[in-house]
Amino acid sequence: MTEEVDQQVPRALITGITGQDGLYLGEFLAAKGYEVFGMVRGQSNPKIPTVEEYIPSIQLLEGDLRDLSSLIGVLETAQPDEIYNLGAISFVGLSFKQPELTGDITGMGVLRMLEAVRIHTQGSMNGVRFYQASSSEMFGQTTETPQRETTQFHPRSPYGVGKVFGHYVTQNYRESYDAWACSGILFNHESPRRGFEFLTRKVTRAVARIALGRQKVLAVGNMEVSRDWGFAGDYVRAMWLMLQQDEPEDYVIATGTGHSVRNLLQIAFKHVGIDDWRPYVVQDERFFRPADVAILVGDATKARDKLGWRPTVGFRQLIEMMVEADLENEKRNAGTGRELTTASSRACRPTGPGKDVNRDVPPRY
């Protein structure tokens, strides 16, 4: 027997709730009066207390993107009006080491989620709005810059390939089953809540530690690549806007400006008073990808015109925000004798109260 649902309160289900985007999105929706459900794989997840701290009203449900029956059970309990499918193996570098797992979760997980929706709604898929987290990594070795919704995909990693599958299967369910389903092709988006395995957070944490005399050198891979980096808090707002439209469509979400890794290093070190960063940075072959992408820059004209979406945080402001968060984190925890992983609450505050969702994630250096 299905529980009685208050039709006046919108209900949202978020997969990947423990990640950077899931946490920002959960805060955003809760502030708008949503009843928010988050899917987690097992109650032993060490990030659950952090999620509950950020979003006190959150209801966590056990489910696994590799198990269709568990997804159907989650939908039966949550009875969502909106689904935000953010769950994935999201670290590109890891996808080369675990390609099968990446394909199963990042790619096939989308198919299982959509099929669960089809079964749950008994074929009336246009009654539930579905957002798929697509990625700029789908473009890969593109011949067109900037990239837009019509740019051809040429992914260069197992992660990108999995995201292309998820993107196209979302389109297929939209066309085959009249699903109200759309994809947001999000370019790189960061925050003080980013995991240490991601380049931006690896850099800002290392810069903070170097400035405080706790680290001597930072090892990175290819410094020539260029990415379109934005603030995660801005990007979750775009996700929500997509699901408020009359018809489902796919959108590129980006700032429209690219920055090299060298530029990232320059801004981060400059913020702590180091003008010449080169003595503190070395290139390490371990961090080069088997197949890399030279430049990814997005054209968000469609999102600007149809959604009214624009980024509010610029690249320099973003990197300085992250460095400040890591500086405060290191200072606050100095002398505790443990690795320091909690980001500044003040620096996380643009879209929520914020402490670091990645406090239990070890760095992958």
Protein backbone atom coordinates (compact mmCIF):
# COMPACT_ATOMS: atom_id res chain seq x y z
CA MET A 1 0.00 0.00 0.00
CA THR A 2 1.45 3.37 -1.05
CA GLU A 3 1.64 6.11 1.57
CA GLU A 4 -0.57 9.14 1.11
CA VAL A 5 1.27 12.00 -0.58
CA ASP A 6 0.72 15.72 0.02
CA GLN A 7 0.13 17.03 -3.49
CA GLN A 8 0.82 20.61 -2.37
CA VAL A 9 4.47 19.94 -1.53
CA PRO A 10 6.76 19.13 -4.48
CA ARG A 11 8.85 16.01 -3.99
CA ALA A 12 12.31 15.53 -5.47
CA LEU A 13 14.60 12.51 -5.59
CA ILE A 14 18.35 13.04 -5.98
CA THR A 15 20.78 10.26 -6.80
CA GLY A 16 24.37 11.12 -5.97
CA ILE A 17 23.18 13.12 -2.97
CA THR A 18 26.53 12.76 -1.15
CA GLY A 19 28.50 14.49 -3.93
CA GLN A 20 29.25 18.16 -4.44
CA ASP A 21 26.28 18.74 -6.76
CA GLY A 22 23.87 16.60 -4.77
CA LEU A 23 24.53 18.57 -1.62
CA TYR A 24 24.16 21.98 -3.25
CA LEU A 25 21.03 20.84 -5.09
CA GLY A 26 19.49 19.33 -1.95
CA GLU A 27 20.02 22.59 -0.05
CA PHE A 28 18.60 24.58 -2.96
CA LEU A 29 15.45 22.47 -3.25
CA ALA A 30 14.86 22.30 0.50
CA ALA A 31 15.04 26.11 0.64
CA LYS A 32 12.35 26.21 -2.05
CA GLY A 33 10.03 24.08 0.07
CA TYR A 34 10.58 20.71 -1.58
CA GLU A 35 10.40 17.43 0.25
CA VAL A 36 13.83 16.08 -0.68
CA PHE A 37 14.77 12.41 -0.91
CA GLY A 38 18.37 11.33 -1.42
CA MET A 39 19.46 7.91 -2.61
CA VAL A 40 22.47 6.30 -0.96
CA ARG A 41 24.06 2.89 -1.46
CA GLY A 42 23.93 1.42 2.03
CA GLN A 43 23.51 3.11 5.39
CA SER A 44 27.20 2.69 6.24
CA ASN A 45 28.19 5.52 3.88
CA PRO A 46 30.50 7.79 5.94
CA LYS A 47 29.10 10.92 4.29
CA ILE A 48 25.55 10.40 5.55
CA PRO A 49 26.04 12.49 8.75
CA THR A 50 27.35 15.36 6.61
CA VAL A 51 24.34 15.20 4.28
CA GLU A 52 21.98 15.23 7.25
CA GLU A 53 23.85 18.18 8.75
CA TYR A 54 23.48 20.24 5.56
CA ILE A 55 19.90 19.22 4.84
CA PRO A 56 18.18 18.39 8.15
CA SER A 57 14.89 17.59 6.40
CA ILE A 58 16.47 15.11 3.97
CA GLN A 59 15.01 11.61 3.76
CA LEU A 60 17.64 9.08 2.73
CA LEU A 61 16.66 5.92 0.90
CA GLU A 62 18.80 2.90 0.06
CA GLY A 63 19.23 2.17 -3.62
CA ASP A 64 21.87 1.15 -6.14
CA LEU A 65 22.20 2.26 -9.78
CA ARG A 66 23.34 -1.30 -10.54
CA ASP A 67 20.11 -2.85 -9.23
CA LEU A 68 16.81 -2.14 -11.00
CA SER A 69 14.60 -3.58 -8.26
CA SER A 70 16.12 -1.28 -5.64
CA LEU A 71 15.47 1.74 -7.87
CA ILE A 72 11.82 0.78 -8.29
CA GLY A 73 11.58 0.50 -4.49
CA VAL A 74 13.08 3.96 -4.02
CA LEU A 75 10.57 5.46 -6.46
CA GLU A 76 7.64 3.73 -4.76
CA THR A 77 8.69 5.24 -1.43
CA ALA A 78 9.63 8.72 -2.62
CA GLN A 79 6.79 9.21 -5.13
CA PRO A 80 8.82 12.05 -6.71
CA ASP A 81 7.58 14.80 -8.98
CA GLU A 82 11.17 15.49 -10.07
CA ILE A 83 14.18 13.17 -10.35
CA TYR A 84 17.74 14.47 -10.56
CA ASN A 85 20.03 11.64 -11.66
CA LEU A 86 23.45 12.86 -10.52
CA GLY A 87 24.87 9.50 -9.42
CA ALA A 88 27.92 8.33 -11.39
CA ILE A 89 31.58 7.37 -11.27
CA SER A 90 32.48 11.01 -11.79
CA PHE A 91 36.28 11.11 -11.69
CA VAL A 92 37.62 10.90 -15.25
CA GLY A 93 41.05 9.60 -14.23
CA LEU A 94 39.52 6.74 -12.26
CA SER A 95 37.43 5.70 -15.26
CA PHE A 96 40.58 4.59 -17.08
CA LYS A 97 41.46 2.29 -14.16
CA GLN A 98 37.90 0.97 -13.68
CA PRO A 99 36.26 1.19 -17.12
CA GLU A 100 33.80 -1.66 -16.58
CA LEU A 101 32.48 -0.25 -13.31
CA THR A 102 32.29 3.20 -14.89
CA GLY A 103 30.25 1.91 -17.80
CA ASP A 104 27.93 -0.03 -15.50
CA ILE A 105 27.13 2.92 -13.22
CA THR A 106 27.69 6.03 -15.34
CA GLY A 107 26.12 4.54 -18.47
CA MET A 108 23.85 1.60 -17.65
CA GLY A 109 22.80 3.21 -14.38
CA VAL A 110 20.92 5.85 -16.40
CA LEU A 111 19.09 3.15 -18.36
CA ARG A 112 18.10 1.35 -15.15
CA MET A 113 16.86 4.59 -13.60
CA LEU A 114 14.73 5.43 -16.65
CA GLU A 115 13.37 1.89 -16.81
CA ALA A 116 12.49 2.09 -13.12
CA VAL A 117 10.56 5.30 -13.84
CA ARG A 118 8.72 3.61 -16.73
CA ILE A 119 7.72 0.70 -14.51
CA HIS A 120 6.83 2.94 -11.56
CA THR A 121 4.60 5.20 -13.67
CA GLN A 122 3.09 2.24 -15.53
CA GLY A 123 4.19 3.77 -18.80
CA SER A 124 2.98 7.32 -18.12
CA MET A 125 6.49 8.76 -18.00
CA ASN A 126 5.47 12.34 -18.76
CA GLY A 127 4.03 12.61 -15.24
CA VAL A 128 7.48 12.66 -13.60
CA ARG A 129 10.21 15.09 -14.64
CA PHE A 130 13.66 13.56 -15.07
CA TYR A 131 17.02 15.34 -15.19
CA GLN A 132 20.12 13.52 -16.45
CA ALA A 133 23.54 14.90 -15.55
CA SER A 134 25.38 14.86 -18.86
CA SER A 135 28.92 16.20 -19.17
CA SER A 136 31.20 18.30 -21.34
CA GLU A 137 33.53 15.28 -21.39
CA MET A 138 31.17 13.84 -24.01
CA PHE A 139 32.55 16.33 -26.53
CA GLY A 140 36.12 15.14 -26.08
CA GLN A 141 38.26 15.74 -29.15
CA THR A 142 35.90 18.22 -30.69
CA THR A 143 36.48 20.16 -33.88
CA GLU A 144 34.20 23.02 -32.79
CA THR A 145 34.88 25.62 -30.10
CA PRO A 146 32.89 26.66 -28.19
CA GLN A 147 30.77 23.54 -27.85
CA ARG A 148 26.99 23.77 -27.95
CA GLU A 149 24.00 21.43 -27.92
CA THR A 150 24.49 20.52 -31.59
CA THR A 151 28.25 19.81 -31.39
CA GLN A 152 29.22 16.24 -32.28
CA PHE A 153 30.42 13.99 -29.46
CA HIS A 154 33.88 12.38 -29.54
CA PRO A 155 34.56 11.21 -25.96
CA ARG A 156 38.16 10.47 -24.93
CA SER A 157 37.64 8.53 -21.69
CA PRO A 158 35.48 5.66 -20.39
CA TYR A 159 33.70 8.27 -18.30
CA GLY A 160 32.87 10.34 -21.39
CA VAL A 161 31.69 7.24 -23.27
CA GLY A 162 29.41 6.27 -20.36
CA LYS A 163 27.97 9.78 -20.26
CA VAL A 164 27.27 9.69 -24.02
CA PHE A 165 25.31 6.45 -23.54
CA GLY A 166 23.33 8.00 -20.68
CA HIS A 167 22.65 11.11 -22.74
CA TYR A 168 21.37 9.20 -25.76
CA VAL A 169 19.30 6.72 -23.75
CA THR A 170 17.60 9.70 -22.08
CA GLN A 171 16.75 11.06 -25.52
CA ASN A 172 15.53 7.62 -26.54
CA TYR A 173 13.10 7.33 -23.63
CA ARG A 174 11.87 10.84 -24.38
CA GLU A 175 11.14 9.92 -27.97
CA SER A 176 9.98 6.32 -27.42
CA TYR A 177 7.95 6.57 -24.21
CA ASP A 178 7.04 10.28 -24.09
CA ALA A 179 9.23 10.66 -21.01
CA TRP A 180 9.56 14.17 -19.60
CA ALA A 181 13.33 13.78 -19.59
CA CYS A 182 16.12 16.24 -20.31
CA SER A 183 19.89 16.41 -20.00
CA GLY A 184 22.11 19.19 -18.76
CA ILE A 185 25.48 19.15 -20.50
CA LEU A 186 27.42 20.73 -17.66
CA PHE A 187 30.96 21.95 -18.11
CA ASN A 188 33.43 21.74 -15.22
CA HIS A 189 31.95 23.16 -12.03
CA GLU A 190 33.80 23.39 -8.73
CA SER A 191 33.50 24.58 -5.13
CA PRO A 192 35.13 24.21 -1.72
CA ARG A 193 33.15 20.96 -1.49
CA ARG A 194 34.96 19.38 -4.43
CA GLY A 195 36.77 16.11 -3.73
CA PHE A 196 40.56 16.15 -3.41
CA GLU A 197 40.91 13.87 -6.44
CA PHE A 198 39.71 16.68 -8.71
CA LEU A 199 42.39 19.03 -10.06
CA THR A 200 40.97 22.32 -8.82
CA ARG A 201 40.63 21.16 -5.21
CA LYS A 202 43.96 19.35 -5.35
CA VAL A 203 45.57 22.65 -6.39
CA THR A 204 43.81 24.90 -3.86
CA ARG A 205 44.49 22.54 -0.96
CA ALA A 206 48.16 22.21 -1.93
CA VAL A 207 48.53 25.99 -2.29
CA ALA A 208 47.08 26.48 1.20
CA ARG A 209 49.43 23.88 2.66
CA ILE A 210 52.46 25.33 0.85
CA ALA A 211 51.59 28.84 2.08
CA LEU A 212 51.44 27.52 5.65
CA GLY A 213 54.67 25.54 5.34
CA ARG A 214 52.95 22.16 5.52
CA GLN A 215 53.77 21.00 1.98
CA LYS A 216 56.73 21.69 -0.31
CA VAL A 217 55.62 20.79 -3.82
CA LEU A 218 52.52 20.09 -5.91
CA ALA A 219 52.59 17.37 -8.60
CA VAL A 220 50.27 17.80 -11.58
CA GLY A 221 49.83 16.36 -15.07
CA ASN A 222 49.19 18.24 -18.30
CA MET A 223 49.30 22.00 -17.66
CA GLU A 224 48.40 22.99 -21.22
CA VAL A 225 44.79 21.79 -21.23
CA SER A 226 42.05 24.39 -20.96
CA ARG A 227 38.66 24.03 -19.27
CA ASP A 228 35.53 26.11 -18.75
CA TRP A 229 35.29 26.18 -14.93
CA GLY A 230 32.23 27.53 -13.09
CA PHE A 231 30.74 27.45 -9.59
CA ALA A 232 28.70 24.37 -8.66
CA GLY A 233 26.10 26.43 -6.79
CA ASP A 234 25.25 28.25 -10.01
CA TYR A 235 24.98 25.02 -11.96
CA VAL A 236 22.47 23.26 -9.70
CA ARG A 237 20.18 26.26 -10.18
CA ALA A 238 20.31 25.54 -13.92
CA MET A 239 19.30 21.92 -13.28
CA TRP A 240 16.18 23.05 -11.47
CA LEU A 241 15.32 25.62 -14.14
CA MET A 242 15.40 22.92 -16.83
CA LEU A 243 12.69 20.95 -15.03
CA GLN A 244 10.43 24.02 -14.72
CA GLN A 245 10.01 24.42 -18.50
CA ASP A 246 6.92 23.47 -20.50
CA GLU A 247 8.82 20.98 -22.66
CA PRO A 248 11.94 18.87 -21.99
CA GLU A 249 15.05 19.98 -23.85
CA ASP A 250 18.80 19.54 -23.46
CA TYR A 251 21.00 22.49 -22.45
CA VAL A 252 24.69 23.32 -22.29
CA ILE A 253 25.60 24.98 -18.98
CA ALA A 254 28.93 26.83 -19.02
CA THR A 255 30.56 30.20 -18.41
CA GLY A 256 31.79 30.54 -22.00
CA THR A 257 35.39 31.24 -20.93
CA GLY A 258 38.28 28.77 -20.88
CA HIS A 259 41.29 28.79 -18.56
CA SER A 260 44.45 26.71 -18.70
CA VAL A 261 45.83 24.75 -15.77
CA ARG A 262 48.72 27.24 -15.76
CA ASN A 263 46.21 30.06 -15.26
CA LEU A 264 44.60 28.13 -12.43
CA LEU A 265 47.98 27.73 -10.73
CA GLN A 266 48.85 31.38 -11.21
CA ILE A 267 45.63 32.64 -9.63
CA ALA A 268 45.74 30.20 -6.72
CA PHE A 269 49.38 30.93 -5.79
CA LYS A 270 48.94 34.67 -6.32
CA HIS A 271 46.15 34.67 -3.75
CA VAL A 272 48.61 33.56 -1.04
CA GLY A 273 51.26 36.06 -2.12
CA ILE A 274 53.40 33.78 -4.31
CA ASP A 275 54.02 35.46 -7.67
CA ASP A 276 56.22 32.75 -9.19
CA TRP A 277 54.55 29.37 -8.72
CA ARG A 278 56.99 27.38 -10.84
CA PRO A 279 59.42 26.36 -8.05
CA TYR A 280 56.49 24.74 -6.22
CA VAL A 281 55.00 22.72 -9.09
CA VAL A 282 56.32 19.63 -10.86
CA GLN A 283 54.84 17.60 -13.68
CA ASP A 284 54.33 13.92 -12.95
CA GLU A 285 53.61 11.38 -15.70
CA ARG A 286 51.29 9.50 -13.34
CA PHE A 287 48.73 12.27 -13.75
CA PHE A 288 48.68 12.31 -17.54
CA ARG A 289 45.64 10.62 -19.07
CA PRO A 290 46.01 7.95 -21.77
CA ALA A 291 43.91 10.19 -24.04
CA ASP A 292 43.41 13.80 -23.00
CA VAL A 293 41.16 16.61 -24.20
CA ALA A 294 42.94 19.84 -25.16
CA ILE A 295 40.15 22.39 -24.73
CA LEU A 296 36.54 22.42 -23.57
CA VAL A 297 34.62 25.71 -23.61
CA GLY A 298 30.84 25.86 -23.65
CA ASP A 299 28.28 28.09 -25.35
CA ALA A 300 25.32 28.50 -22.97
CA THR A 301 23.35 30.84 -25.25
CA LYS A 302 20.33 28.54 -25.26
CA ALA A 303 20.25 28.36 -21.46
CA ARG A 304 20.60 32.12 -21.22
CA ASP A 305 17.80 32.77 -23.71
CA LYS A 306 15.32 30.07 -22.66
CA LEU A 307 16.05 29.57 -18.95
CA GLY A 308 17.27 33.04 -18.07
CA TRP A 309 20.33 31.40 -16.52
CA ARG A 310 23.65 33.15 -16.07
CA PRO A 311 26.65 32.32 -13.87
CA THR A 312 27.16 34.60 -10.88
CA VAL A 313 30.67 33.56 -9.79
CA GLY A 314 33.67 34.23 -12.03
CA PHE A 315 36.74 32.01 -12.34
CA ARG A 316 39.09 34.13 -10.23
CA GLN A 317 36.46 34.53 -7.52
CA LEU A 318 35.87 30.77 -7.55
CA ILE A 319 39.53 29.82 -7.17
CA GLU A 320 40.12 32.44 -4.48
CA MET A 321 37.04 31.17 -2.63
CA MET A 322 38.45 27.64 -2.70
CA VAL A 323 41.93 28.71 -1.57
CA GLU A 324 40.41 30.69 1.32
CA ALA A 325 38.35 27.66 2.35
CA ASP A 326 41.40 25.42 2.40
CA LEU A 327 43.49 28.02 4.25
CA GLU A 328 40.87 28.28 6.99
CA ASN A 329 40.55 24.52 7.10
CA GLU A 330 44.29 24.00 7.53
CA LYS A 331 44.59 26.72 10.17
CA ARG A 332 41.60 25.48 12.13
CA ASN A 333 42.90 21.93 12.26
CA ALA A 334 46.58 22.68 12.73
CA GLY A 335 48.20 20.52 15.34
CA THR A 336 45.51 17.84 15.41
CA GLY A 337 47.81 15.24 13.86
CA ARG A 338 45.32 14.14 11.20
CA GLU A 339 44.73 14.82 7.55
CA LEU A 340 42.58 17.89 7.08
CA THR A 341 39.56 17.60 4.84
CA THR A 342 36.89 20.00 6.10
CA ALA A 343 36.35 23.12 4.01
CA SER A 344 35.46 26.55 5.31
CA SER A 345 31.77 27.10 6.03
CA ARG A 346 32.08 30.74 5.03
CA ALA A 347 33.54 29.92 1.62
CA CYS A 348 30.79 27.39 0.93
CA ARG A 349 28.04 29.85 1.76
CA PRO A 350 27.02 31.28 -1.68
CA THR A 351 24.13 28.76 -1.89
CA GLY A 352 23.99 27.24 1.56
CA PRO A 353 25.45 27.12 5.07
CA GLY A 354 28.17 24.74 3.96
CA LYS A 355 30.85 22.60 5.44
CA ASP A 356 32.82 20.23 3.27
CA VAL A 357 30.87 17.24 1.96
CA ASN A 358 34.22 15.64 1.08
CA ARG A 359 35.54 15.51 4.65
CA ASP A 360 35.81 11.69 4.46
CA VAL A 361 37.35 11.46 0.98
CA PRO A 362 41.10 10.77 0.94
CA PRO A 363 43.20 12.71 -1.55
CA ARG A 364 44.32 10.87 -4.67
CA TYR A 365 47.78 12.40 -5.21
